[in-house]
Amino acid sequence: MATFNLSSPLAIEQTPNGYRYSIEPFLLVNFSNLSTGNHLLDIGTGCGIIPLLASTQVELGKIVAIEIQKSLYDLAVINMLKNGISGKVSLVHGDFTDSTLSSKDGLFDSVIANPPYRKLNTGRMNPNHEKAVARHEISMNLNSLLTKTSSLLKYEGTFVMAYPPIRLKEVQETLCYHKLFPSRLRFIHGSREADARIFLIESVKNRQVECVIEPPLFIYNKDGSYSKEMEKIYASFNYSSWGHNIQ
């Protein structure tokens, strides 16, 4: 079994003006129940942040990460090399919904996605193409994401994603249509006074279970500092020593 735990703090490069990861990768990895030996697929890896975070938490048997944008894929390659795990993470450059990834190559225990969730023709399209593709459903929508995901998950494998609350009903219905049955749900709030910004949802392939609504997570205190729980999440990744801020 490959050992993925990293012995030193992560060093992560990002594009200065294009798409930059935010808080979601930390929340997604923390929310996911990854187990030793799991085969993990990361959809839309960007600069490779989710494989790197997951590698600090558990000894995984396999990681595959796919990214459609060449500029971000190239950054992911660099980041895997810089952190010494390029031989343990299989990076794929391509369109996930039209990729060569298939069940014949082996199924995954876990799939994580932080997909674009703004529908086309809704909201302002970012003039930066890298940011626009990452945020709007230009190359992949919810249905195409779940169609492909379901085909790559093992029986009772888990799928975890982040999405905005306004699309919760649509997400639940589309997940169930693809035999991905919601098992856990958590709402993420900027503060106790703010509405939820996103939700995290876990679903299980081909097994209907009662969906547990977990306590909400509040990111900030009233004074703008991180809440104790958010500090604990960052600390689990040794984030404070990375030397840069979340954008």
Protein backbone atom coordinates (compact mmCIF):
# COMPACT_ATOMS: atom_id res chain seq x y z
CA MET A 1 0.00 0.00 0.00
CA ALA A 2 1.30 3.45 -0.85
CA THR A 3 1.97 5.78 2.05
CA PHE A 4 0.62 9.27 1.41
CA ASN A 5 1.15 11.04 4.73
CA LEU A 6 3.38 14.08 4.31
CA SER A 7 6.05 14.73 6.92
CA SER A 8 6.47 18.47 6.24
CA PRO A 9 4.10 21.41 5.64
CA LEU A 10 2.55 21.69 2.20
CA ALA A 11 3.97 24.10 -0.37
CA ILE A 12 1.30 25.11 -2.86
CA GLU A 13 1.64 27.37 -5.89
CA GLN A 14 -1.37 29.15 -7.38
CA THR A 15 -1.92 31.38 -10.35
CA PRO A 16 -1.73 35.04 -9.23
CA ASN A 17 -4.65 36.32 -11.30
CA GLY A 18 -6.68 33.25 -12.26
CA TYR A 19 -8.81 30.83 -10.24
CA ARG A 20 -7.58 30.30 -6.65
CA TYR A 21 -8.95 27.78 -4.19
CA SER A 22 -10.97 29.06 -1.27
CA ILE A 23 -12.31 27.42 1.88
CA GLU A 24 -14.26 24.60 0.21
CA PRO A 25 -11.39 22.08 -0.26
CA PHE A 26 -10.60 22.19 3.45
CA LEU A 27 -14.25 21.67 4.34
CA LEU A 28 -14.73 18.88 1.80
CA VAL A 29 -11.74 16.83 2.93
CA ASN A 30 -12.64 17.37 6.58
CA PHE A 31 -16.24 16.29 5.88
CA SER A 32 -15.26 13.20 3.89
CA ASN A 33 -14.90 9.89 5.72
CA LEU A 34 -11.75 8.76 3.96
CA SER A 35 -10.33 5.45 5.15
CA THR A 36 -6.91 3.85 4.87
CA GLY A 37 -6.50 2.17 1.50
CA ASN A 38 -9.40 4.01 -0.15
CA HIS A 39 -9.29 4.78 -3.85
CA LEU A 40 -10.14 8.47 -4.23
CA LEU A 41 -11.19 10.46 -7.29
CA ASP A 42 -11.03 14.26 -7.20
CA ILE A 43 -13.09 16.00 -9.88
CA GLY A 44 -11.84 19.43 -10.94
CA THR A 45 -8.64 19.37 -8.92
CA GLY A 46 -7.49 22.87 -9.86
CA CYS A 47 -3.96 23.29 -8.51
CA GLY A 48 -4.21 19.90 -6.80
CA ILE A 49 -5.35 21.15 -3.41
CA ILE A 50 -7.70 18.27 -2.49
CA PRO A 51 -5.22 15.43 -3.18
CA LEU A 52 -2.61 17.35 -1.18
CA LEU A 53 -4.95 17.93 1.77
CA ALA A 54 -6.19 14.33 1.72
CA SER A 55 -2.58 13.14 1.70
CA THR A 56 -2.01 14.78 5.08
CA GLN A 57 -4.92 12.94 6.68
CA VAL A 58 -4.88 9.27 5.71
CA GLU A 59 -2.88 6.63 3.85
CA LEU A 60 -4.85 6.20 0.63
CA GLY A 61 -4.41 3.32 -1.77
CA LYS A 62 -4.88 5.42 -4.90
CA ILE A 63 -5.64 9.01 -5.89
CA VAL A 64 -6.79 10.11 -9.34
CA ALA A 65 -7.38 13.83 -9.96
CA ILE A 66 -8.78 15.33 -13.16
CA GLU A 67 -8.68 18.94 -14.36
CA ILE A 68 -10.05 20.37 -17.61
CA GLN A 69 -8.01 23.59 -17.66
CA LYS A 70 -4.43 23.16 -18.84
CA SER A 71 -3.09 26.09 -16.81
CA LEU A 72 -4.45 24.61 -13.57
CA TYR A 73 -3.43 21.07 -14.52
CA ASP A 74 0.14 22.31 -15.04
CA LEU A 75 0.06 23.88 -11.56
CA ALA A 76 -1.18 20.60 -10.09
CA VAL A 77 1.76 18.78 -11.70
CA ILE A 78 4.16 21.28 -10.12
CA ASN A 79 2.50 21.00 -6.71
CA MET A 80 2.61 17.21 -6.71
CA LEU A 81 6.33 17.37 -7.52
CA LYS A 82 7.07 20.04 -4.90
CA ASN A 83 5.37 17.99 -2.20
CA GLY A 84 6.90 14.68 -3.19
CA ILE A 85 3.75 12.79 -4.16
CA SER A 86 3.81 12.98 -7.95
CA GLY A 87 4.34 9.23 -8.13
CA LYS A 88 1.32 8.57 -5.93
CA VAL A 89 -1.28 10.81 -7.58
CA SER A 90 -2.45 10.16 -11.14
CA LEU A 91 -3.25 13.53 -12.73
CA VAL A 92 -5.52 13.60 -15.77
CA HIS A 93 -5.93 16.59 -18.08
CA GLY A 94 -9.33 16.50 -19.69
CA ASP A 95 -13.10 16.97 -19.54
CA PHE A 96 -14.41 14.75 -16.74
CA THR A 97 -17.77 14.08 -18.38
CA ASP A 98 -16.10 13.11 -21.66
CA SER A 99 -12.93 11.58 -20.27
CA THR A 100 -11.51 8.11 -20.78
CA LEU A 101 -12.04 7.34 -17.08
CA SER A 102 -14.29 4.29 -16.91
CA SER A 103 -15.26 1.39 -14.69
CA LYS A 104 -12.89 -0.91 -16.56
CA ASP A 105 -10.00 1.01 -14.99
CA GLY A 106 -11.32 0.23 -11.50
CA LEU A 107 -14.01 1.78 -9.34
CA PHE A 108 -13.50 4.31 -6.55
CA ASP A 109 -14.41 4.09 -2.87
CA SER A 110 -14.75 7.86 -2.62
CA VAL A 111 -15.30 10.75 -5.01
CA ILE A 112 -14.95 14.41 -4.02
CA ALA A 113 -16.08 17.35 -6.15
CA ASN A 114 -16.15 21.11 -5.75
CA PRO A 115 -17.86 21.65 -9.10
CA PRO A 116 -18.96 24.82 -10.89
CA TYR A 117 -22.45 25.50 -9.57
CA ARG A 118 -23.60 28.73 -11.19
CA LYS A 119 -25.96 28.04 -14.07
CA LEU A 120 -25.26 29.66 -17.40
CA ASN A 121 -27.07 32.96 -17.92
CA THR A 122 -27.41 33.47 -14.16
CA GLY A 123 -25.26 36.04 -12.41
CA ARG A 124 -22.29 37.90 -13.77
CA MET A 125 -19.88 35.79 -15.82
CA ASN A 126 -16.32 36.44 -14.66
CA PRO A 127 -14.25 37.94 -17.51
CA ASN A 128 -11.32 35.78 -16.42
CA HIS A 129 -11.84 32.53 -18.35
CA GLU A 130 -10.09 30.38 -15.74
CA LYS A 131 -12.41 31.67 -13.02
CA ALA A 132 -15.49 31.47 -15.25
CA VAL A 133 -14.97 27.77 -16.07
CA ALA A 134 -14.40 26.97 -12.40
CA ARG A 135 -17.56 28.75 -11.25
CA HIS A 136 -20.14 28.49 -14.05
CA GLU A 137 -21.56 25.37 -15.69
CA ILE A 138 -19.65 25.93 -18.93
CA SER A 139 -18.05 22.50 -19.30
CA MET A 140 -20.12 20.44 -16.84
CA ASN A 141 -23.56 20.70 -15.25
CA LEU A 142 -25.05 18.84 -12.30
CA ASN A 143 -26.62 16.06 -14.33
CA SER A 144 -23.52 15.34 -16.42
CA LEU A 145 -21.37 15.39 -13.27
CA LEU A 146 -23.55 12.84 -11.48
CA THR A 147 -24.02 10.61 -14.54
CA LYS A 148 -20.28 10.09 -14.84
CA THR A 149 -19.67 9.98 -11.09
CA SER A 150 -22.20 7.21 -10.52
CA SER A 151 -20.53 5.06 -13.18
CA LEU A 152 -17.17 5.30 -11.39
CA LEU A 153 -18.24 4.63 -7.79
CA LYS A 154 -18.19 1.24 -6.12
CA TYR A 155 -21.36 -0.19 -4.61
CA GLU A 156 -21.87 1.75 -1.37
CA GLY A 157 -19.06 4.10 -2.36
CA THR A 158 -19.44 7.71 -1.20
CA PHE A 159 -19.68 10.94 -3.13
CA VAL A 160 -19.09 14.30 -1.41
CA MET A 161 -19.71 17.70 -2.96
CA ALA A 162 -20.26 21.38 -2.10
CA TYR A 163 -23.15 23.40 -3.56
CA PRO A 164 -25.18 26.55 -2.80
CA PRO A 165 -28.35 26.15 -0.68
CA ILE A 166 -30.56 27.63 -3.40
CA ARG A 167 -30.00 24.40 -5.38
CA LEU A 168 -30.46 21.93 -2.51
CA LYS A 169 -33.74 20.42 -3.73
CA GLU A 170 -32.36 20.01 -7.25
CA VAL A 171 -29.22 18.36 -5.89
CA GLN A 172 -31.16 15.90 -3.72
CA GLU A 173 -33.47 14.91 -6.57
CA THR A 174 -30.66 14.53 -9.11
CA LEU A 175 -28.54 12.50 -6.71
CA CYS A 176 -31.40 10.09 -6.07
CA TYR A 177 -32.12 9.80 -9.79
CA HIS A 178 -28.55 8.53 -10.24
CA LYS A 179 -28.88 6.10 -7.28
CA LEU A 180 -26.66 8.28 -5.12
CA PHE A 181 -28.66 8.52 -1.91
CA PRO A 182 -27.93 11.41 0.51
CA SER A 183 -26.56 10.22 3.85
CA ARG A 184 -25.16 13.39 5.50
CA LEU A 185 -25.78 17.10 5.03
CA ARG A 186 -24.12 20.12 6.61
CA PHE A 187 -24.73 23.83 6.08
CA ILE A 188 -21.78 26.26 6.15
CA HIS A 189 -22.37 29.82 7.40
CA GLY A 190 -20.01 32.77 7.34
CA SER A 191 -21.19 33.66 10.87
CA ARG A 192 -24.05 32.91 13.23
CA GLU A 193 -25.92 35.94 11.89
CA ALA A 194 -25.51 35.00 8.20
CA ASP A 195 -27.46 32.66 5.97
CA ALA A 196 -25.70 29.50 4.81
CA ARG A 197 -23.23 30.12 1.98
CA ILE A 198 -22.88 26.51 0.87
CA PHE A 199 -23.80 23.03 1.98
CA LEU A 200 -21.75 19.85 2.04
CA ILE A 201 -23.55 16.66 1.10
CA GLU A 202 -22.46 13.02 1.20
CA SER A 203 -24.32 10.37 -0.76
CA VAL A 204 -23.98 6.60 -0.93
CA LYS A 205 -24.26 4.64 -4.16
CA ASN A 206 -27.12 2.14 -4.37
CA ARG A 207 -27.96 2.18 -0.67
CA GLN A 208 -30.80 4.25 0.76
CA VAL A 209 -30.12 5.49 4.28
CA GLU A 210 -31.55 8.13 6.57
CA CYS A 211 -29.92 11.46 5.81
CA VAL A 212 -28.31 12.92 8.94
CA ILE A 213 -28.38 16.72 9.22
CA GLU A 214 -25.16 17.63 10.98
CA PRO A 215 -24.80 20.77 13.12
CA PRO A 216 -24.06 23.90 11.07
CA LEU A 217 -20.51 25.17 10.79
CA PHE A 218 -19.88 28.87 11.44
CA ILE A 219 -16.63 30.03 9.90
CA TYR A 220 -16.16 33.39 11.66
CA ASN A 221 -16.78 34.87 15.09
CA LYS A 222 -18.44 38.27 15.47
CA ASP A 223 -15.05 40.00 15.53
CA GLY A 224 -14.05 38.43 12.20
CA SER A 225 -11.68 35.86 13.67
CA TYR A 226 -12.05 32.20 12.83
CA SER A 227 -14.37 30.15 15.00
CA LYS A 228 -12.83 27.46 17.21
CA GLU A 229 -14.13 24.71 14.91
CA MET A 230 -12.72 26.38 11.81
CA GLU A 231 -9.38 26.87 13.54
CA LYS A 232 -9.42 23.18 14.44
CA ILE A 233 -10.07 22.23 10.80
CA TYR A 234 -7.19 24.37 9.55
CA ALA A 235 -4.92 23.04 12.30
CA SER A 236 -5.57 19.47 11.15
CA PHE A 237 -3.90 20.41 7.86
CA ASN A 238 -1.10 22.41 9.53
CA TYR A 239 -2.42 25.31 7.47
CA SER A 240 -0.96 28.16 9.54
CA SER A 241 2.57 27.29 8.41
CA TRP A 242 1.91 27.54 4.68
CA GLY A 243 2.66 31.22 4.53
CA HIS A 244 -0.26 32.48 2.43
CA ASN A 245 -3.88 33.45 2.91
CA ILE A 246 -7.09 31.99 1.54
CA GLN A 247 -8.42 34.09 -1.31
